[in-house]
mmCIF file of all heavy atoms, coordinates in Angstrom:
data_MODEL
# 
_entry.id   MODEL 
# 
loop_
_atom_site.group_PDB 
_atom_site.id 
_atom_site.type_symbol 
_atom_site.label_atom_id 
_atom_site.label_alt_id 
_atom_site.label_comp_id 
_atom_site.label_asym_id 
_atom_site.label_entity_id 
_atom_site.label_seq_id 
_atom_site.pdbx_PDB_ins_code 
_atom_site.Cartn_x 
_atom_site.Cartn_y 
_atom_site.Cartn_z 
_atom_site.occupancy 
_atom_site.B_iso_or_equiv 
_atom_site.pdbx_formal_charge 
_atom_site.auth_seq_id 
_atom_site.auth_comp_id 
_atom_site.auth_asym_id 
_atom_site.auth_atom_id 
_atom_site.pdbx_PDB_model_num 
ATOM 1   N N   . ILE A 1 1  ? 0.328   14.333  -17.621 1.00 0.00 ? 1  ILE A N   1 
ATOM 2   C CA  . ILE A 1 1  ? -0.335  13.332  -16.782 1.00 0.00 ? 1  ILE A CA  1 
ATOM 3   C C   . ILE A 1 1  ? 0.707   12.466  -16.080 1.00 0.00 ? 1  ILE A C   1 
ATOM 4   O O   . ILE A 1 1  ? 0.608   12.205  -14.876 1.00 0.00 ? 1  ILE A O   1 
ATOM 5   C CB  . ILE A 1 1  ? -1.305  12.464  -17.617 1.00 0.00 ? 1  ILE A CB  1 
ATOM 6   C CG1 . ILE A 1 1  ? -2.503  13.304  -18.075 1.00 0.00 ? 1  ILE A CG1 1 
ATOM 7   C CG2 . ILE A 1 1  ? -1.787  11.256  -16.803 1.00 0.00 ? 1  ILE A CG2 1 
ATOM 8   C CD1 . ILE A 1 1  ? -3.429  12.591  -19.037 1.00 0.00 ? 1  ILE A CD1 1 
ATOM 9   N N   . VAL A 1 2  ? 1.713   12.025  -16.804 1.00 0.00 ? 2  VAL A N   1 
ATOM 10  C CA  . VAL A 1 2  ? 2.778   11.209  -16.220 1.00 0.00 ? 2  VAL A CA  1 
ATOM 11  C C   . VAL A 1 2  ? 3.460   11.945  -15.074 1.00 0.00 ? 2  VAL A C   1 
ATOM 12  O O   . VAL A 1 2  ? 3.666   11.399  -13.987 1.00 0.00 ? 2  VAL A O   1 
ATOM 13  C CB  . VAL A 1 2  ? 3.812   10.800  -17.297 1.00 0.00 ? 2  VAL A CB  1 
ATOM 14  C CG1 . VAL A 1 2  ? 5.045   10.166  -16.649 1.00 0.00 ? 2  VAL A CG1 1 
ATOM 15  C CG2 . VAL A 1 2  ? 3.190   9.856   -18.306 1.00 0.00 ? 2  VAL A CG2 1 
ATOM 16  N N   . GLU A 1 3  ? 3.790   13.213  -15.311 1.00 0.00 ? 3  GLU A N   1 
ATOM 17  C CA  . GLU A 1 3  ? 4.479   14.003  -14.295 1.00 0.00 ? 3  GLU A CA  1 
ATOM 18  C C   . GLU A 1 3  ? 3.629   14.165  -13.037 1.00 0.00 ? 3  GLU A C   1 
ATOM 19  O O   . GLU A 1 3  ? 4.100   13.958  -11.904 1.00 0.00 ? 3  GLU A O   1 
ATOM 20  C CB  . GLU A 1 3  ? 4.832   15.378  -14.858 1.00 0.00 ? 3  GLU A CB  1 
ATOM 21  C CG  . GLU A 1 3  ? 5.541   16.293  -13.862 1.00 0.00 ? 3  GLU A CG  1 
ATOM 22  C CD  . GLU A 1 3  ? 5.819   17.682  -14.417 1.00 0.00 ? 3  GLU A CD  1 
ATOM 23  O OE1 . GLU A 1 3  ? 5.422   17.962  -15.574 1.00 0.00 ? 3  GLU A OE1 1 
ATOM 24  O OE2 . GLU A 1 3  ? 6.425   18.496  -13.688 1.00 0.00 ? 3  GLU A OE2 1 
ATOM 25  N N   . LYS A 1 4  ? 2.367   14.521  -13.222 1.00 0.00 ? 4  LYS A N   1 
ATOM 26  C CA  . LYS A 1 4  ? 1.496   14.783  -12.073 1.00 0.00 ? 4  LYS A CA  1 
ATOM 27  C C   . LYS A 1 4  ? 1.134   13.494  -11.328 1.00 0.00 ? 4  LYS A C   1 
ATOM 28  O O   . LYS A 1 4  ? 1.018   13.495  -10.089 1.00 0.00 ? 4  LYS A O   1 
ATOM 29  C CB  . LYS A 1 4  ? 0.234   15.516  -12.536 1.00 0.00 ? 4  LYS A CB  1 
ATOM 30  C CG  . LYS A 1 4  ? 0.501   16.963  -12.944 1.00 0.00 ? 4  LYS A CG  1 
ATOM 31  C CD  . LYS A 1 4  ? -0.770  17.706  -13.301 1.00 0.00 ? 4  LYS A CD  1 
ATOM 32  C CE  . LYS A 1 4  ? -0.486  19.161  -13.624 1.00 0.00 ? 4  LYS A CE  1 
ATOM 33  N NZ  . LYS A 1 4  ? 0.048   19.905  -12.434 1.00 0.00 ? 4  LYS A NZ  1 
ATOM 34  N N   . VAL A 1 5  ? 0.975   12.411  -12.056 1.00 0.00 ? 5  VAL A N   1 
ATOM 35  C CA  . VAL A 1 5  ? 0.644   11.145  -11.396 1.00 0.00 ? 5  VAL A CA  1 
ATOM 36  C C   . VAL A 1 5  ? 1.849   10.599  -10.637 1.00 0.00 ? 5  VAL A C   1 
ATOM 37  O O   . VAL A 1 5  ? 1.704   10.050  -9.537  1.00 0.00 ? 5  VAL A O   1 
ATOM 38  C CB  . VAL A 1 5  ? 0.109   10.123  -12.418 1.00 0.00 ? 5  VAL A CB  1 
ATOM 39  C CG1 . VAL A 1 5  ? -0.056  8.737   -11.771 1.00 0.00 ? 5  VAL A CG1 1 
ATOM 40  C CG2 . VAL A 1 5  ? -1.235  10.589  -12.970 1.00 0.00 ? 5  VAL A CG2 1 
ATOM 41  N N   . ASN A 1 6  ? 3.037   10.754  -11.176 1.00 0.00 ? 6  ASN A N   1 
ATOM 42  C CA  . ASN A 1 6  ? 4.237   10.345  -10.437 1.00 0.00 ? 6  ASN A CA  1 
ATOM 43  C C   . ASN A 1 6  ? 4.361   11.116  -9.125  1.00 0.00 ? 6  ASN A C   1 
ATOM 44  O O   . ASN A 1 6  ? 4.736   10.552  -8.094  1.00 0.00 ? 6  ASN A O   1 
ATOM 45  C CB  . ASN A 1 6  ? 5.490   10.553  -11.291 1.00 0.00 ? 6  ASN A CB  1 
ATOM 46  C CG  . ASN A 1 6  ? 5.716   9.425   -12.274 1.00 0.00 ? 6  ASN A CG  1 
ATOM 47  O OD1 . ASN A 1 6  ? 5.313   8.287   -12.032 1.00 0.00 ? 6  ASN A OD1 1 
ATOM 48  N ND2 . ASN A 1 6  ? 6.360   9.724   -13.391 1.00 0.00 ? 6  ASN A ND2 1 
ATOM 49  N N   . GLU A 1 7  ? 4.036   12.398  -9.167  1.00 0.00 ? 7  GLU A N   1 
ATOM 50  C CA  . GLU A 1 7  ? 4.061   13.204  -7.947  1.00 0.00 ? 7  GLU A CA  1 
ATOM 51  C C   . GLU A 1 7  ? 3.003   12.707  -6.964  1.00 0.00 ? 7  GLU A C   1 
ATOM 52  O O   . GLU A 1 7  ? 3.248   12.616  -5.756  1.00 0.00 ? 7  GLU A O   1 
ATOM 53  C CB  . GLU A 1 7  ? 3.818   14.675  -8.293  1.00 0.00 ? 7  GLU A CB  1 
ATOM 54  C CG  . GLU A 1 7  ? 3.839   15.597  -7.083  1.00 0.00 ? 7  GLU A CG  1 
ATOM 55  C CD  . GLU A 1 7  ? 3.541   17.045  -7.443  1.00 0.00 ? 7  GLU A CD  1 
ATOM 56  O OE1 . GLU A 1 7  ? 3.333   17.340  -8.634  1.00 0.00 ? 7  GLU A OE1 1 
ATOM 57  O OE2 . GLU A 1 7  ? 3.528   17.882  -6.526  1.00 0.00 ? 7  GLU A OE2 1 
ATOM 58  N N   . TYR A 1 8  ? 1.826   12.372  -7.491  1.00 0.00 ? 8  TYR A N   1 
ATOM 59  C CA  . TYR A 1 8  ? 0.736   11.859  -6.661  1.00 0.00 ? 8  TYR A CA  1 
ATOM 60  C C   . TYR A 1 8  ? 1.156   10.555  -5.971  1.00 0.00 ? 8  TYR A C   1 
ATOM 61  O O   . TYR A 1 8  ? 0.941   10.368  -4.768  1.00 0.00 ? 8  TYR A O   1 
ATOM 62  C CB  . TYR A 1 8  ? -0.491  11.628  -7.545  1.00 0.00 ? 8  TYR A CB  1 
ATOM 63  C CG  . TYR A 1 8  ? -1.720  11.142  -6.821  1.00 0.00 ? 8  TYR A CG  1 
ATOM 64  C CD1 . TYR A 1 8  ? -2.546  12.030  -6.147  1.00 0.00 ? 8  TYR A CD1 1 
ATOM 65  C CD2 . TYR A 1 8  ? -2.064  9.790   -6.828  1.00 0.00 ? 8  TYR A CD2 1 
ATOM 66  C CE1 . TYR A 1 8  ? -3.682  11.585  -5.483  1.00 0.00 ? 8  TYR A CE1 1 
ATOM 67  C CE2 . TYR A 1 8  ? -3.197  9.336   -6.161  1.00 0.00 ? 8  TYR A CE2 1 
ATOM 68  C CZ  . TYR A 1 8  ? -4.005  10.240  -5.503  1.00 0.00 ? 8  TYR A CZ  1 
ATOM 69  O OH  . TYR A 1 8  ? -5.120  9.803   -4.842  1.00 0.00 ? 8  TYR A OH  1 
ATOM 70  N N   . ILE A 1 9  ? 1.779   9.658   -6.728  1.00 0.00 ? 9  ILE A N   1 
ATOM 71  C CA  . ILE A 1 9  ? 2.228   8.374   -6.172  1.00 0.00 ? 9  ILE A CA  1 
ATOM 72  C C   . ILE A 1 9  ? 3.259   8.587   -5.069  1.00 0.00 ? 9  ILE A C   1 
ATOM 73  O O   . ILE A 1 9  ? 3.227   7.922   -4.027  1.00 0.00 ? 9  ILE A O   1 
ATOM 74  C CB  . ILE A 1 9  ? 2.809   7.481   -7.287  1.00 0.00 ? 9  ILE A CB  1 
ATOM 75  C CG1 . ILE A 1 9  ? 1.695   7.038   -8.249  1.00 0.00 ? 9  ILE A CG1 1 
ATOM 76  C CG2 . ILE A 1 9  ? 3.508   6.255   -6.705  1.00 0.00 ? 9  ILE A CG2 1 
ATOM 77  C CD1 . ILE A 1 9  ? 2.205   6.333   -9.500  1.00 0.00 ? 9  ILE A CD1 1 
ATOM 78  N N   . SER A 1 10 ? 4.165   9.528   -5.291  1.00 0.00 ? 10 SER A N   1 
ATOM 79  C CA  . SER A 1 10 ? 5.225   9.770   -4.302  1.00 0.00 ? 10 SER A CA  1 
ATOM 80  C C   . SER A 1 10 ? 4.679   10.299  -2.979  1.00 0.00 ? 10 SER A C   1 
ATOM 81  O O   . SER A 1 10 ? 5.303   10.133  -1.924  1.00 0.00 ? 10 SER A O   1 
ATOM 82  C CB  . SER A 1 10 ? 6.266   10.744  -4.866  1.00 0.00 ? 10 SER A CB  1 
ATOM 83  O OG  . SER A 1 10 ? 5.723   12.050  -4.998  1.00 0.00 ? 10 SER A OG  1 
ATOM 84  N N   . ASN A 1 11 ? 3.501   10.921  -3.026  1.00 0.00 ? 11 ASN A N   1 
ATOM 85  C CA  . ASN A 1 11 ? 2.901   11.488  -1.814  1.00 0.00 ? 11 ASN A CA  1 
ATOM 86  C C   . ASN A 1 11 ? 1.834   10.580  -1.190  1.00 0.00 ? 11 ASN A C   1 
ATOM 87  O O   . ASN A 1 11 ? 1.345   10.863  -0.091  1.00 0.00 ? 11 ASN A O   1 
ATOM 88  C CB  . ASN A 1 11 ? 2.265   12.843  -2.127  1.00 0.00 ? 11 ASN A CB  1 
ATOM 89  C CG  . ASN A 1 11 ? 3.302   13.913  -2.414  1.00 0.00 ? 11 ASN A CG  1 
ATOM 90  O OD1 . ASN A 1 11 ? 4.342   13.960  -1.763  1.00 0.00 ? 11 ASN A OD1 1 
ATOM 91  N ND2 . ASN A 1 11 ? 3.040   14.766  -3.391  1.00 0.00 ? 11 ASN A ND2 1 
ATOM 92  N N   . MET A 1 12 ? 1.475   9.510   -1.881  1.00 0.00 ? 12 MET A N   1 
ATOM 93  C CA  . MET A 1 12 ? 0.404   8.636   -1.395  1.00 0.00 ? 12 MET A CA  1 
ATOM 94  C C   . MET A 1 12 ? 0.915   7.711   -0.297  1.00 0.00 ? 12 MET A C   1 
ATOM 95  O O   . MET A 1 12 ? 2.049   7.238   -0.341  1.00 0.00 ? 12 MET A O   1 
ATOM 96  C CB  . MET A 1 12 ? -0.166  7.801   -2.554  1.00 0.00 ? 12 MET A CB  1 
ATOM 97  C CG  . MET A 1 12 ? -1.415  7.019   -2.179  1.00 0.00 ? 12 MET A CG  1 
ATOM 98  S SD  . MET A 1 12 ? -2.150  6.188   -3.614  1.00 0.00 ? 12 MET A SD  1 
ATOM 99  C CE  . MET A 1 12 ? -0.887  4.954   -3.932  1.00 0.00 ? 12 MET A CE  1 
ATOM 100 N N   . LYS A 1 13 ? 0.065   7.445   0.679   1.00 0.00 ? 13 LYS A N   1 
ATOM 101 C CA  . LYS A 1 13 ? 0.402   6.516   1.761   1.00 0.00 ? 13 LYS A CA  1 
ATOM 102 C C   . LYS A 1 13 ? -0.627  5.393   1.792   1.00 0.00 ? 13 LYS A C   1 
ATOM 103 O O   . LYS A 1 13 ? -1.812  5.626   1.548   1.00 0.00 ? 13 LYS A O   1 
ATOM 104 C CB  . LYS A 1 13 ? 0.441   7.245   3.103   1.00 0.00 ? 13 LYS A CB  1 
ATOM 105 C CG  . LYS A 1 13 ? 1.508   8.340   3.171   1.00 0.00 ? 13 LYS A CG  1 
ATOM 106 C CD  . LYS A 1 13 ? 1.556   9.001   4.526   1.00 0.00 ? 13 LYS A CD  1 
ATOM 107 C CE  . LYS A 1 13 ? 2.554   10.148  4.551   1.00 0.00 ? 13 LYS A CE  1 
ATOM 108 N NZ  . LYS A 1 13 ? 3.934   9.710   4.288   1.00 0.00 ? 13 LYS A NZ  1 
ATOM 109 N N   . THR A 1 14 ? -0.154  4.196   2.093   1.00 0.00 ? 14 THR A N   1 
ATOM 110 C CA  . THR A 1 14 ? -1.021  3.028   2.142   1.00 0.00 ? 14 THR A CA  1 
ATOM 111 C C   . THR A 1 14 ? -0.848  2.316   3.475   1.00 0.00 ? 14 THR A C   1 
ATOM 112 O O   . THR A 1 14 ? 0.279   2.088   3.924   1.00 0.00 ? 14 THR A O   1 
ATOM 113 C CB  . THR A 1 14 ? -0.686  2.044   1.001   1.00 0.00 ? 14 THR A CB  1 
ATOM 114 O OG1 . THR A 1 14 ? -0.712  2.728   -0.252  1.00 0.00 ? 14 THR A OG1 1 
ATOM 115 C CG2 . THR A 1 14 ? -1.690  0.897   0.959   1.00 0.00 ? 14 THR A CG2 1 
ATOM 116 N N   . PHE A 1 15 ? -1.969  1.968   4.112   1.00 0.00 ? 15 PHE A N   1 
ATOM 117 C CA  . PHE A 1 15 ? -1.947  1.242   5.378   1.00 0.00 ? 15 PHE A CA  1 
ATOM 118 C C   . PHE A 1 15 ? -2.990  0.135   5.344   1.00 0.00 ? 15 PHE A C   1 
ATOM 119 O O   . PHE A 1 15 ? -3.969  0.208   4.598   1.00 0.00 ? 15 PHE A O   1 
ATOM 120 C CB  . PHE A 1 15 ? -2.268  2.173   6.553   1.00 0.00 ? 15 PHE A CB  1 
ATOM 121 C CG  . PHE A 1 15 ? -1.294  3.301   6.728   1.00 0.00 ? 15 PHE A CG  1 
ATOM 122 C CD1 . PHE A 1 15 ? -1.573  4.557   6.192   1.00 0.00 ? 15 PHE A CD1 1 
ATOM 123 C CD2 . PHE A 1 15 ? -0.109  3.117   7.416   1.00 0.00 ? 15 PHE A CD2 1 
ATOM 124 C CE1 . PHE A 1 15 ? -0.675  5.607   6.344   1.00 0.00 ? 15 PHE A CE1 1 
ATOM 125 C CE2 . PHE A 1 15 ? 0.789   4.152   7.569   1.00 0.00 ? 15 PHE A CE2 1 
ATOM 126 C CZ  . PHE A 1 15 ? 0.514   5.401   7.038   1.00 0.00 ? 15 PHE A CZ  1 
ATOM 127 N N   . PHE A 1 16 ? -2.787  -0.894  6.166   1.00 0.00 ? 16 PHE A N   1 
ATOM 128 C CA  . PHE A 1 16 ? -3.843  -1.889  6.298   1.00 0.00 ? 16 PHE A CA  1 
ATOM 129 C C   . PHE A 1 16 ? -3.849  -2.505  7.689   1.00 0.00 ? 16 PHE A C   1 
ATOM 130 O O   . PHE A 1 16 ? -2.822  -2.593  8.364   1.00 0.00 ? 16 PHE A O   1 
ATOM 131 C CB  . PHE A 1 16 ? -3.767  -2.959  5.201   1.00 0.00 ? 16 PHE A CB  1 
ATOM 132 C CG  . PHE A 1 16 ? -2.444  -3.657  5.055   1.00 0.00 ? 16 PHE A CG  1 
ATOM 133 C CD1 . PHE A 1 16 ? -2.240  -4.935  5.564   1.00 0.00 ? 16 PHE A CD1 1 
ATOM 134 C CD2 . PHE A 1 16 ? -1.404  -3.056  4.353   1.00 0.00 ? 16 PHE A CD2 1 
ATOM 135 C CE1 . PHE A 1 16 ? -1.035  -5.586  5.404   1.00 0.00 ? 16 PHE A CE1 1 
ATOM 136 C CE2 . PHE A 1 16 ? -0.195  -3.713  4.173   1.00 0.00 ? 16 PHE A CE2 1 
ATOM 137 C CZ  . PHE A 1 16 ? -0.003  -4.987  4.715   1.00 0.00 ? 16 PHE A CZ  1 
ATOM 138 N N   . LEU A 1 17 ? -5.042  -2.874  8.117   1.00 0.00 ? 17 LEU A N   1 
ATOM 139 C CA  . LEU A 1 17 ? -5.267  -3.480  9.421   1.00 0.00 ? 17 LEU A CA  1 
ATOM 140 C C   . LEU A 1 17 ? -5.781  -4.900  9.201   1.00 0.00 ? 17 LEU A C   1 
ATOM 141 O O   . LEU A 1 17 ? -6.775  -5.099  8.505   1.00 0.00 ? 17 LEU A O   1 
ATOM 142 C CB  . LEU A 1 17 ? -6.292  -2.657  10.207  1.00 0.00 ? 17 LEU A CB  1 
ATOM 143 C CG  . LEU A 1 17 ? -6.729  -3.216  11.562  1.00 0.00 ? 17 LEU A CG  1 
ATOM 144 C CD1 . LEU A 1 17 ? -5.551  -3.319  12.522  1.00 0.00 ? 17 LEU A CD1 1 
ATOM 145 C CD2 . LEU A 1 17 ? -7.833  -2.340  12.165  1.00 0.00 ? 17 LEU A CD2 1 
ATOM 146 N N   . LEU A 1 18 ? -5.076  -5.866  9.802   1.00 0.00 ? 18 LEU A N   1 
ATOM 147 C CA  . LEU A 1 18 ? -5.413  -7.271  9.591   1.00 0.00 ? 18 LEU A CA  1 
ATOM 148 C C   . LEU A 1 18 ? -6.207  -7.826  10.763  1.00 0.00 ? 18 LEU A C   1 
ATOM 149 O O   . LEU A 1 18 ? -5.871  -7.594  11.923  1.00 0.00 ? 18 LEU A O   1 
ATOM 150 C CB  . LEU A 1 18 ? -4.145  -8.099  9.398   1.00 0.00 ? 18 LEU A CB  1 
ATOM 151 C CG  . LEU A 1 18 ? -3.240  -7.710  8.225   1.00 0.00 ? 18 LEU A CG  1 
ATOM 152 C CD1 . LEU A 1 18 ? -2.041  -8.648  8.168   1.00 0.00 ? 18 LEU A CD1 1 
ATOM 153 C CD2 . LEU A 1 18 ? -3.999  -7.712  6.918   1.00 0.00 ? 18 LEU A CD2 1 
ATOM 154 N N   . GLU A 1 19 ? -7.235  -8.576  10.439  1.00 0.00 ? 19 GLU A N   1 
ATOM 155 C CA  . GLU A 1 19 ? -7.992  -9.309  11.446  1.00 0.00 ? 19 GLU A CA  1 
ATOM 156 C C   . GLU A 1 19 ? -7.293  -10.631 11.765  1.00 0.00 ? 19 GLU A C   1 
ATOM 157 O O   . GLU A 1 19 ? -7.248  -11.073 12.911  1.00 0.00 ? 19 GLU A O   1 
ATOM 158 C CB  . GLU A 1 19 ? -9.412  -9.576  10.938  1.00 0.00 ? 19 GLU A CB  1 
ATOM 159 C CG  . GLU A 1 19 ? -10.232 -10.558 11.755  1.00 0.00 ? 19 GLU A CG  1 
ATOM 160 C CD  . GLU A 1 19 ? -10.621 -10.015 13.119  1.00 0.00 ? 19 GLU A CD  1 
ATOM 161 O OE1 . GLU A 1 19 ? -10.651 -8.786  13.284  1.00 0.00 ? 19 GLU A OE1 1 
ATOM 162 O OE2 . GLU A 1 19 ? -10.882 -10.826 14.021  1.00 0.00 ? 19 GLU A OE2 1 
ATOM 163 N N   . SER A 1 20 ? -6.745  -11.266 10.725  1.00 0.00 ? 20 SER A N   1 
ATOM 164 C CA  . SER A 1 20 ? -6.135  -12.589 10.881  1.00 0.00 ? 20 SER A CA  1 
ATOM 165 C C   . SER A 1 20 ? -4.658  -12.557 10.486  1.00 0.00 ? 20 SER A C   1 
ATOM 166 O O   . SER A 1 20 ? -4.272  -11.890 9.529   1.00 0.00 ? 20 SER A O   1 
ATOM 167 C CB  . SER A 1 20 ? -6.874  -13.608 10.008  1.00 0.00 ? 20 SER A CB  1 
ATOM 168 O OG  . SER A 1 20 ? -6.179  -14.834 9.956   1.00 0.00 ? 20 SER A OG  1 
ATOM 169 N N   . LEU A 1 21 ? -3.841  -13.297 11.223  1.00 0.00 ? 21 LEU A N   1 
ATOM 170 C CA  . LEU A 1 21 ? -2.413  -13.423 10.916  1.00 0.00 ? 21 LEU A CA  1 
ATOM 171 C C   . LEU A 1 21 ? -2.099  -14.711 10.163  1.00 0.00 ? 21 LEU A C   1 
ATOM 172 O O   . LEU A 1 21 ? -0.938  -15.008 9.892   1.00 0.00 ? 21 LEU A O   1 
ATOM 173 C CB  . LEU A 1 21 ? -1.605  -13.397 12.225  1.00 0.00 ? 21 LEU A CB  1 
ATOM 174 C CG  . LEU A 1 21 ? -1.722  -12.131 13.073  1.00 0.00 ? 21 LEU A CG  1 
ATOM 175 C CD1 . LEU A 1 21 ? -0.994  -12.334 14.398  1.00 0.00 ? 21 LEU A CD1 1 
ATOM 176 C CD2 . LEU A 1 21 ? -1.163  -10.931 12.340  1.00 0.00 ? 21 LEU A CD2 1 
ATOM 177 N N   . ASP A 1 22 ? -3.125  -15.489 9.818   1.00 0.00 ? 22 ASP A N   1 
ATOM 178 C CA  . ASP A 1 22 ? -2.922  -16.817 9.235   1.00 0.00 ? 22 ASP A CA  1 
ATOM 179 C C   . ASP A 1 22 ? -2.028  -16.793 7.997   1.00 0.00 ? 22 ASP A C   1 
ATOM 180 O O   . ASP A 1 22 ? -1.076  -17.566 7.886   1.00 0.00 ? 22 ASP A O   1 
ATOM 181 C CB  . ASP A 1 22 ? -4.271  -17.454 8.871   1.00 0.00 ? 22 ASP A CB  1 
ATOM 182 C CG  . ASP A 1 22 ? -5.033  -17.917 10.103  1.00 0.00 ? 22 ASP A CG  1 
ATOM 183 O OD1 . ASP A 1 22 ? -4.429  -17.916 11.203  1.00 0.00 ? 22 ASP A OD1 1 
ATOM 184 O OD2 . ASP A 1 22 ? -6.210  -18.270 9.979   1.00 0.00 ? 22 ASP A OD2 1 
ATOM 185 N N   . ASN A 1 23 ? -2.355  -15.912 7.046   1.00 0.00 ? 23 ASN A N   1 
ATOM 186 C CA  . ASN A 1 23 ? -1.585  -15.909 5.800   1.00 0.00 ? 23 ASN A CA  1 
ATOM 187 C C   . ASN A 1 23 ? -0.155  -15.444 6.003   1.00 0.00 ? 23 ASN A C   1 
ATOM 188 O O   . ASN A 1 23 ? 0.765   -15.893 5.308   1.00 0.00 ? 23 ASN A O   1 
ATOM 189 C CB  . ASN A 1 23 ? -2.286  -15.040 4.745   1.00 0.00 ? 23 ASN A CB  1 
ATOM 190 C CG  . ASN A 1 23 ? -3.449  -15.764 4.104   1.00 0.00 ? 23 ASN A CG  1 
ATOM 191 O OD1 . ASN A 1 23 ? -3.679  -16.940 4.363   1.00 0.00 ? 23 ASN A OD1 1 
ATOM 192 N ND2 . ASN A 1 23 ? -4.204  -15.069 3.274   1.00 0.00 ? 23 ASN A ND2 1 
ATOM 193 N N   . LEU A 1 24 ? 0.071   -14.510 6.949   1.00 0.00 ? 24 LEU A N   1 
ATOM 194 C CA  . LEU A 1 24 ? 1.431   -14.075 7.240   1.00 0.00 ? 24 LEU A CA  1 
ATOM 195 C C   . LEU A 1 24 ? 2.257   -15.232 7.783   1.00 0.00 ? 24 LEU A C   1 
ATOM 196 O O   . LEU A 1 24 ? 3.428   -15.394 7.449   1.00 0.00 ? 24 LEU A O   1 
ATOM 197 C CB  . LEU A 1 24 ? 1.419   -12.918 8.243   1.00 0.00 ? 24 LEU A CB  1 
ATOM 198 C CG  . LEU A 1 24 ? 0.900   -11.568 7.753   1.00 0.00 ? 24 LEU A CG  1 
ATOM 199 C CD1 . LEU A 1 24 ? 0.933   -10.556 8.891   1.00 0.00 ? 24 LEU A CD1 1 
ATOM 200 C CD2 . LEU A 1 24 ? 1.714   -11.047 6.586   1.00 0.00 ? 24 LEU A CD2 1 
ATOM 201 N N   . MET A 1 25 ? 1.629   -16.071 8.632   1.00 0.00 ? 25 MET A N   1 
ATOM 202 C CA  . MET A 1 25 ? 2.339   -17.224 9.182   1.00 0.00 ? 25 MET A CA  1 
ATOM 203 C C   . MET A 1 25 ? 2.577   -18.285 8.112   1.00 0.00 ? 25 MET A C   1 
ATOM 204 O O   . MET A 1 25 ? 3.679   -18.824 7.990   1.00 0.00 ? 25 MET A O   1 
ATOM 205 C CB  . MET A 1 25 ? 1.548   -17.820 10.351  1.00 0.00 ? 25 MET A CB  1 
ATOM 206 C CG  . MET A 1 25 ? 1.581   -16.974 11.615  1.00 0.00 ? 25 MET A CG  1 
ATOM 207 S SD  . MET A 1 25 ? 0.880   -17.826 13.048  1.00 0.00 ? 25 MET A SD  1 
ATOM 208 C CE  . MET A 1 25 ? -0.877  -17.753 12.651  1.00 0.00 ? 25 MET A CE  1 
ATOM 209 N N   . LYS A 1 26 ? 1.560   -18.547 7.297   1.00 0.00 ? 26 LYS A N   1 
ATOM 210 C CA  . LYS A 1 26 ? 1.701   -19.555 6.248   1.00 0.00 ? 26 LYS A CA  1 
ATOM 211 C C   . LYS A 1 26 ? 2.760   -19.171 5.228   1.00 0.00 ? 26 LYS A C   1 
ATOM 212 O O   . LYS A 1 26 ? 3.476   -20.018 4.692   1.00 0.00 ? 26 LYS A O   1 
ATOM 213 C CB  . LYS A 1 26 ? 0.351   -19.767 5.536   1.00 0.00 ? 26 LYS A CB  1 
ATOM 214 C CG  . LYS A 1 26 ? -0.706  -20.458 6.383   1.00 0.00 ? 26 LYS A CG  1 
ATOM 215 C CD  . LYS A 1 26 ? -2.021  -20.526 5.631   1.00 0.00 ? 26 LYS A CD  1 
ATOM 216 C CE  . LYS A 1 26 ? -3.133  -21.117 6.466   1.00 0.00 ? 26 LYS A CE  1 
ATOM 217 N NZ  . LYS A 1 26 ? -4.434  -21.111 5.739   1.00 0.00 ? 26 LYS A NZ  1 
ATOM 218 N N   . ALA A 1 27 ? 2.859   -17.873 4.955   1.00 0.00 ? 27 ALA A N   1 
ATOM 219 C CA  . ALA A 1 27 ? 3.810   -17.392 3.955   1.00 0.00 ? 27 ALA A CA  1 
ATOM 220 C C   . ALA A 1 27 ? 5.222   -17.234 4.523   1.00 0.00 ? 27 ALA A C   1 
ATOM 221 O O   . ALA A 1 27 ? 6.160   -16.929 3.786   1.00 0.00 ? 27 ALA A O   1 
ATOM 222 C CB  . ALA A 1 27 ? 3.340   -16.060 3.378   1.00 0.00 ? 27 ALA A CB  1 
# 
């Protein structure tokens, strides 16, 4: 399980689309 999940993580991609920039500016 560890081996296969590590492989899964290495191939996974994450994206996000923001409506507001407020927190990026505040941070």
